[in-house]
Amino acid sequence: LERTGDLKMPPGKQGLPPHEIRVIRDWIDSGAHWPREGAPAGSAAPEPAWWSLRKPVRPALPEVRNAANGD
């Protein structure tokens, strides 16, 4: 966010003013929630339709049929 160090992005352009950087930092620190289009403010976002955007879920372990044999 801040234009510090040797690399300043975007090159040749002016950076954000300090008050805008503070707003973005506060938003990130609070969890960076982004409302979905059409969803009322403060409502939980629905699960994304694309599998690649869904939060990974660990599957349940299969039941062991015969623990003595390792099956």
PDB file of N, CA and C in Angstrom:
ATOM      1  N   LEU A   1       0.810  -1.199   0.000  1.00  0.00           N
ATOM      2  CA  LEU A   1       0.000   0.000   0.000  1.00  0.00           C
ATOM      3  C   LEU A   1       0.855   1.267   0.000  1.00  0.00           C
ATOM      4  N   GLU A   2       1.891   1.209   0.779  1.00  0.00           N
ATOM      5  CA  GLU A   2       2.720   2.409   0.871  1.00  0.00           C
ATOM      6  C   GLU A   2       3.845   2.331  -0.144  1.00  0.00           C
ATOM      7  N   ARG A   3       4.225   3.455  -0.638  1.00  0.00           N
ATOM      8  CA  ARG A   3       5.297   3.519  -1.618  1.00  0.00           C
ATOM      9  C   ARG A   3       6.620   3.685  -0.880  1.00  0.00           C
ATOM     10  N   THR A   4       7.133   2.581  -0.339  1.00  0.00           N
ATOM     11  CA  THR A   4       8.389   2.600   0.396  1.00  0.00           C
ATOM     12  C   THR A   4       9.361   1.649  -0.271  1.00  0.00           C
ATOM     13  N   GLY A   5      10.635   1.823   0.007  1.00  0.00           N
ATOM     14  CA  GLY A   5      11.648   0.951  -0.578  1.00  0.00           C
ATOM     15  C   GLY A   5      11.985   1.359  -2.007  1.00  0.00           C
ATOM     16  N   ASP A   6      12.737   0.486  -2.691  1.00  0.00           N
ATOM     17  CA  ASP A   6      13.183   0.780  -4.056  1.00  0.00           C
ATOM     18  C   ASP A   6      12.068   0.639  -5.086  1.00  0.00           C
ATOM     19  N   LEU A   7      11.178  -0.315  -4.888  1.00  0.00           N
ATOM     20  CA  LEU A   7      10.110  -0.573  -5.846  1.00  0.00           C
ATOM     21  C   LEU A   7       8.866   0.212  -5.450  1.00  0.00           C
ATOM     22  N   LYS A   8       8.423   1.094  -6.283  1.00  0.00           N
ATOM     23  CA  LYS A   8       7.235   1.899  -6.022  1.00  0.00           C
ATOM     24  C   LYS A   8       6.237   1.645  -7.137  1.00  0.00           C
ATOM     25  N   MET A   9       5.106   1.044  -6.769  1.00  0.00           N
ATOM     26  CA  MET A   9       4.101   0.697  -7.763  1.00  0.00           C
ATOM     27  C   MET A   9       2.880   1.589  -7.630  1.00  0.00           C
ATOM     28  N   PRO A  10       2.218   1.955  -8.664  1.00  0.00           N
ATOM     29  CA  PRO A  10       2.663   1.802 -10.046  1.00  0.00           C
ATOM     30  C   PRO A  10       3.746   2.836 -10.359  1.00  0.00           C
ATOM     31  N   PRO A  11       4.709   2.456 -11.184  1.00  0.00           N
ATOM     32  CA  PRO A  11       5.806   3.369 -11.484  1.00  0.00           C
ATOM     33  C   PRO A  11       5.314   4.623 -12.215  1.00  0.00           C
ATOM     34  N   GLY A  12       5.896   5.739 -11.852  1.00  0.00           N
ATOM     35  CA  GLY A  12       5.572   7.000 -12.525  1.00  0.00           C
ATOM     36  C   GLY A  12       4.262   7.620 -12.112  1.00  0.00           C
ATOM     37  N   LYS A  13       3.586   7.051 -11.120  1.00  0.00           N
ATOM     38  CA  LYS A  13       2.308   7.598 -10.680  1.00  0.00           C
ATOM     39  C   LYS A  13       2.385   7.941  -9.205  1.00  0.00           C
ATOM     40  N   GLN A  14       1.460   8.764  -8.771  1.00  0.00           N
ATOM     41  CA  GLN A  14       1.402   9.181  -7.379  1.00  0.00           C
ATOM     42  C   GLN A  14       0.750   8.084  -6.529  1.00  0.00           C
ATOM     43  N   GLY A  15       1.271   7.891  -5.327  1.00  0.00           N
ATOM     44  CA  GLY A  15       0.710   6.891  -4.421  1.00  0.00           C
ATOM     45  C   GLY A  15      -0.552   7.413  -3.747  1.00  0.00           C
ATOM     46  N   LEU A  16      -1.185   6.541  -2.969  1.00  0.00           N
ATOM     47  CA  LEU A  16      -2.391   6.931  -2.236  1.00  0.00           C
ATOM     48  C   LEU A  16      -2.027   7.887  -1.103  1.00  0.00           C
ATOM     49  N   PRO A  17      -2.938   8.801  -0.792  1.00  0.00           N
ATOM     50  CA  PRO A  17      -2.691   9.676   0.351  1.00  0.00           C
ATOM     51  C   PRO A  17      -2.741   8.863   1.648  1.00  0.00           C
ATOM     52  N   PRO A  18      -2.049   9.319   2.702  1.00  0.00           N
ATOM     53  CA  PRO A  18      -1.987   8.559   3.961  1.00  0.00           C
ATOM     54  C   PRO A  18      -3.354   8.199   4.541  1.00  0.00           C
ATOM     55  N   HIS A  19      -4.357   9.078   4.433  1.00  0.00           N
ATOM     56  CA  HIS A  19      -5.663   8.755   5.013  1.00  0.00           C
ATOM     57  C   HIS A  19      -6.338   7.596   4.269  1.00  0.00           C
ATOM     58  N   GLU A  20      -6.118   7.471   2.956  1.00  0.00           N
ATOM     59  CA  GLU A  20      -6.687   6.352   2.202  1.00  0.00           C
ATOM     60  C   GLU A  20      -5.961   5.048   2.535  1.00  0.00           C
ATOM     61  N   ILE A  21      -4.654   5.117   2.747  1.00  0.00           N
ATOM     62  CA  ILE A  21      -3.887   3.935   3.150  1.00  0.00           C
ATOM     63  C   ILE A  21      -4.382   3.454   4.509  1.00  0.00           C
ATOM     64  N   ARG A  22      -4.662   4.380   5.411  1.00  0.00           N
ATOM     65  CA  ARG A  22      -5.159   4.029   6.747  1.00  0.00           C
ATOM     66  C   ARG A  22      -6.518   3.321   6.649  1.00  0.00           C
ATOM     67  N   VAL A  23      -7.399   3.812   5.775  1.00  0.00           N
ATOM     68  CA  VAL A  23      -8.713   3.185   5.588  1.00  0.00           C
ATOM     69  C   VAL A  23      -8.552   1.755   5.081  1.00  0.00           C
ATOM     70  N   ILE A  24      -7.672   1.545   4.117  1.00  0.00           N
ATOM     71  CA  ILE A  24      -7.455   0.206   3.561  1.00  0.00           C
ATOM     72  C   ILE A  24      -6.834  -0.709   4.610  1.00  0.00           C
ATOM     73  N   ARG A  25      -5.858  -0.205   5.375  1.00  0.00           N
ATOM     74  CA  ARG A  25      -5.243  -1.020   6.436  1.00  0.00           C
ATOM     75  C   ARG A  25      -6.274  -1.425   7.485  1.00  0.00           C
ATOM     76  N   ASP A  26      -7.142  -0.496   7.883  1.00  0.00           N
ATOM     77  CA  ASP A  26      -8.192  -0.805   8.860  1.00  0.00           C
ATOM     78  C   ASP A  26      -9.140  -1.867   8.319  1.00  0.00           C
ATOM     79  N   TRP A  27      -9.487  -1.775   7.030  1.00  0.00           N
ATOM     80  CA  TRP A  27     -10.375  -2.750   6.388  1.00  0.00           C
ATOM     81  C   TRP A  27      -9.724  -4.137   6.394  1.00  0.00           C
ATOM     82  N   ILE A  28      -8.441  -4.203   6.045  1.00  0.00           N
ATOM     83  CA  ILE A  28      -7.724  -5.481   6.035  1.00  0.00           C
ATOM     84  C   ILE A  28      -7.647  -6.050   7.445  1.00  0.00           C
ATOM     85  N   ASP A  29      -7.308  -5.209   8.424  1.00  0.00           N
ATOM     86  CA  ASP A  29      -7.195  -5.659   9.814  1.00  0.00           C
ATOM     87  C   ASP A  29      -8.522  -6.168  10.365  1.00  0.00           C
ATOM     88  N   SER A  30      -9.633  -5.665   9.835  1.00  0.00           N
ATOM     89  CA  SER A  30     -10.946  -6.104  10.320  1.00  0.00           C
ATOM     90  C   SER A  30     -11.453  -7.346   9.579  1.00  0.00           C
ATOM     91  N   GLY A  31     -10.657  -7.910   8.676  1.00  0.00           N
ATOM     92  CA  GLY A  31     -11.033  -9.144   7.979  1.00  0.00           C
ATOM     93  C   GLY A  31     -11.260  -8.972   6.499  1.00  0.00           C
ATOM     94  N   ALA A  32     -11.200  -7.764   5.978  1.00  0.00           N
ATOM     95  CA  ALA A  32     -11.333  -7.488   4.542  1.00  0.00           C
ATOM     96  C   ALA A  32     -12.581  -8.120   3.939  1.00  0.00           C
ATOM     97  N   HIS A  33     -13.710  -7.978   4.609  1.00  0.00           N
ATOM     98  CA  HIS A  33     -14.966  -8.522   4.094  1.00  0.00           C
ATOM     99  C   HIS A  33     -15.425  -7.716   2.887  1.00  0.00           C
ATOM    100  N   TRP A  34     -15.843  -8.417   1.845  1.00  0.00           N
ATOM    101  CA  TRP A  34     -16.300  -7.786   0.610  1.00  0.00           C
ATOM    102  C   TRP A  34     -17.727  -8.257   0.356  1.00  0.00           C
ATOM    103  N   PRO A  35     -18.699  -7.344   0.344  1.00  0.00           N
ATOM    104  CA  PRO A  35     -20.090  -7.783   0.158  1.00  0.00           C
ATOM    105  C   PRO A  35     -20.310  -8.349  -1.248  1.00  0.00           C
ATOM    106  N   ARG A  36     -21.105  -9.404  -1.314  1.00  0.00           N
ATOM    107  CA  ARG A  36     -21.466  -9.992  -2.611  1.00  0.00           C
ATOM    108  C   ARG A  36     -22.510  -9.107  -3.275  1.00  0.00           C
ATOM    109  N   GLU A  37     -22.501  -9.086  -4.595  1.00  0.00           N
ATOM    110  CA  GLU A  37     -23.466  -8.297  -5.350  1.00  0.00           C
ATOM    111  C   GLU A  37     -24.875  -8.803  -5.062  1.00  0.00           C
ATOM    112  N   GLY A  38     -25.758  -7.910  -4.684  1.00  0.00           N
ATOM    113  CA  GLY A  38     -27.144  -8.260  -4.425  1.00  0.00           C
ATOM    114  C   GLY A  38     -27.411  -8.734  -3.017  1.00  0.00           C
ATOM    115  N   ALA A  39     -26.357  -8.961  -2.221  1.00  0.00           N
ATOM    116  CA  ALA A  39     -26.553  -9.404  -0.843  1.00  0.00           C
ATOM    117  C   ALA A  39     -26.710  -8.188   0.060  1.00  0.00           C
ATOM    118  N   PRO A  40     -27.631  -8.244   1.005  1.00  0.00           N
ATOM    119  CA  PRO A  40     -27.771  -7.121   1.931  1.00  0.00           C
ATOM    120  C   PRO A  40     -26.508  -6.958   2.762  1.00  0.00           C
ATOM    121  N   ALA A  41     -26.185  -5.735   3.112  1.00  0.00           N
ATOM    122  CA  ALA A  41     -24.983  -5.459   3.894  1.00  0.00           C
ATOM    123  C   ALA A  41     -25.044  -6.207   5.212  1.00  0.00           C
ATOM    124  N   GLY A  42     -23.937  -6.821   5.586  1.00  0.00           N
ATOM    125  CA  GLY A  42     -23.869  -7.544   6.851  1.00  0.00           C
ATOM    126  C   GLY A  42     -24.356  -8.977   6.784  1.00  0.00           C
ATOM    127  N   SER A  43     -24.905  -9.412   5.638  1.00  0.00           N
ATOM    128  CA  SER A  43     -25.394 -10.787   5.549  1.00  0.00           C
ATOM    129  C   SER A  43     -24.233 -11.708   5.174  1.00  0.00           C
ATOM    130  N   ALA A  44     -24.377 -12.962   5.523  1.00  0.00           N
ATOM    131  CA  ALA A  44     -23.349 -13.946   5.180  1.00  0.00           C
ATOM    132  C   ALA A  44     -23.380 -14.194   3.673  1.00  0.00           C
ATOM    133  N   ALA A  45     -22.206 -14.263   3.097  1.00  0.00           N
ATOM    134  CA  ALA A  45     -22.111 -14.484   1.655  1.00  0.00           C
ATOM    135  C   ALA A  45     -22.420 -15.945   1.341  1.00  0.00           C
ATOM    136  N   PRO A  46     -23.155 -16.220   0.264  1.00  0.00           N
ATOM    137  CA  PRO A  46     -23.431 -17.616  -0.108  1.00  0.00           C
ATOM    138  C   PRO A  46     -22.156 -18.296  -0.603  1.00  0.00           C
ATOM    139  N   GLU A  47     -22.179 -19.606  -0.578  1.00  0.00           N
ATOM    140  CA  GLU A  47     -21.040 -20.388  -1.061  1.00  0.00           C
ATOM    141  C   GLU A  47     -20.829 -20.099  -2.546  1.00  0.00           C
ATOM    142  N   PRO A  48     -19.584 -19.836  -2.978  1.00  0.00           N
ATOM    143  CA  PRO A  48     -19.337 -19.583  -4.412  1.00  0.00           C
ATOM    144  C   PRO A  48     -19.731 -20.785  -5.270  1.00  0.00           C
ATOM    145  N   ALA A  49     -20.189 -20.531  -6.484  1.00  0.00           N
ATOM    146  CA  ALA A  49     -20.611 -21.599  -7.385  1.00  0.00           C
ATOM    147  C   ALA A  49     -19.411 -22.375  -7.931  1.00  0.00           C
ATOM    148  N   TRP A  50     -18.279 -21.720  -8.124  1.00  0.00           N
ATOM    149  CA  TRP A  50     -17.113 -22.391  -8.685  1.00  0.00           C
ATOM    150  C   TRP A  50     -16.391 -23.156  -7.594  1.00  0.00           C
ATOM    151  N   TRP A  51     -16.058 -24.415  -7.839  1.00  0.00           N
ATOM    152  CA  TRP A  51     -15.381 -25.249  -6.850  1.00  0.00           C
ATOM    153  C   TRP A  51     -14.061 -24.636  -6.432  1.00  0.00           C
ATOM    154  N   SER A  52     -13.376 -23.986  -7.365  1.00  0.00           N
ATOM    155  CA  SER A  52     -12.045 -23.442  -7.069  1.00  0.00           C
ATOM    156  C   SER A  52     -12.080 -22.259  -6.114  1.00  0.00           C
ATOM    157  N   LEU A  53     -13.263 -21.670  -5.898  1.00  0.00           N
ATOM    158  CA  LEU A  53     -13.379 -20.539  -4.989  1.00  0.00           C
ATOM    159  C   LEU A  53     -13.949 -20.940  -3.632  1.00  0.00           C
ATOM    160  N   ARG A  54     -14.322 -22.202  -3.482  1.00  0.00           N
ATOM    161  CA  ARG A  54     -14.898 -22.671  -2.222  1.00  0.00           C
ATOM    162  C   ARG A  54     -13.796 -22.968  -1.207  1.00  0.00           C
ATOM    163  N   LYS A  55     -14.103 -22.751   0.049  1.00  0.00           N
ATOM    164  CA  LYS A  55     -13.171 -23.049   1.127  1.00  0.00           C
ATOM    165  C   LYS A  55     -12.998 -24.565   1.216  1.00  0.00           C
ATOM    166  N   PRO A  56     -11.747 -25.056   1.273  1.00  0.00           N
ATOM    167  CA  PRO A  56     -11.533 -26.502   1.364  1.00  0.00           C
ATOM    168  C   PRO A  56     -12.118 -27.059   2.658  1.00  0.00           C
ATOM    169  N   VAL A  57     -12.672 -28.256   2.561  1.00  0.00           N
ATOM    170  CA  VAL A  57     -13.242 -28.947   3.713  1.00  0.00           C
ATOM    171  C   VAL A  57     -12.602 -30.327   3.784  1.00  0.00           C
ATOM    172  N   ARG A  58     -12.113 -30.673   4.977  1.00  0.00           N
ATOM    173  CA  ARG A  58     -11.493 -31.987   5.142  1.00  0.00           C
ATOM    174  C   ARG A  58     -12.587 -33.053   5.148  1.00  0.00           C
ATOM    175  N   PRO A  59     -12.472 -34.091   4.278  1.00  0.00           N
ATOM    176  CA  PRO A  59     -13.512 -35.130   4.251  1.00  0.00           C
ATOM    177  C   PRO A  59     -13.452 -35.987   5.513  1.00  0.00           C
ATOM    178  N   ALA A  60     -14.563 -36.624   5.835  1.00  0.00           N
ATOM    179  CA  ALA A  60     -14.608 -37.532   6.984  1.00  0.00           C
ATOM    180  C   ALA A  60     -13.761 -38.757   6.691  1.00  0.00           C
ATOM    181  N   LEU A  61     -13.147 -39.311   7.737  1.00  0.00           N
ATOM    182  CA  LEU A  61     -12.338 -40.516   7.561  1.00  0.00           C
ATOM    183  C   LEU A  61     -13.258 -41.707   7.343  1.00  0.00           C
ATOM    184  N   PRO A  62     -12.863 -42.649   6.484  1.00  0.00           N
ATOM    185  CA  PRO A  62     -13.698 -43.823   6.264  1.00  0.00           C
ATOM    186  C   PRO A  62     -13.709 -44.703   7.523  1.00  0.00           C
ATOM    187  N   GLU A  63     -14.771 -45.444   7.693  1.00  0.00           N
ATOM    188  CA  GLU A  63     -14.904 -46.338   8.814  1.00  0.00           C
ATOM    189  C   GLU A  63     -14.043 -47.576   8.580  1.00  0.00           C
ATOM    190  N   VAL A  64     -13.351 -48.014   9.620  1.00  0.00           N
ATOM    191  CA  VAL A  64     -12.515 -49.208   9.520  1.00  0.00           C
ATOM    192  C   VAL A  64     -13.398 -50.439   9.707  1.00  0.00           C
ATOM    193  N   ARG A  65     -13.327 -51.373   8.742  1.00  0.00           N
ATOM    194  CA  ARG A  65     -14.166 -52.580   8.830  1.00  0.00           C
ATOM    195  C   ARG A  65     -13.578 -53.606   9.784  1.00  0.00           C
ATOM    196  N   ASN A  66     -12.297 -53.849   9.678  1.00  0.00           N
ATOM    197  CA  ASN A  66     -11.665 -54.864  10.513  1.00  0.00           C
ATOM    198  C   ASN A  66     -10.341 -54.302  11.005  1.00  0.00           C
ATOM    199  N   ALA A  67     -10.342 -53.696  12.185  1.00  0.00           N
ATOM    200  CA  ALA A  67      -9.163 -53.030  12.715  1.00  0.00           C
ATOM    201  C   ALA A  67      -8.012 -54.013  12.950  1.00  0.00           C
ATOM    202  N   ALA A  68      -8.296 -55.280  13.251  1.00  0.00           N
ATOM    203  CA  ALA A  68      -7.258 -56.271  13.518  1.00  0.00           C
ATOM    204  C   ALA A  68      -6.428 -56.567  12.270  1.00  0.00           C
ATOM    205  N   ASN A  69      -7.050 -56.558  11.093  1.00  0.00           N
ATOM    206  CA  ASN A  69      -6.342 -56.845   9.837  1.00  0.00           C
ATOM    207  C   ASN A  69      -5.836 -55.605   9.143  1.00  0.00           C
ATOM    208  N   GLY A  70      -6.240 -54.433   9.602  1.00  0.00           N
ATOM    209  CA  GLY A  70      -5.841 -53.199   8.948  1.00  0.00           C
ATOM    210  C   GLY A  70      -6.690 -52.855   7.742  1.00  0.00           C
ATOM    211  N   ASP A  71      -7.816 -53.529   7.551  1.00  0.00           N
ATOM    212  CA  ASP A  71      -8.717 -53.264   6.419  1.00  0.00           C
ATOM    213  C   ASP A  71      -9.659 -52.138   6.746  1.00  0.00           C
TER     214      ASP A  71
END
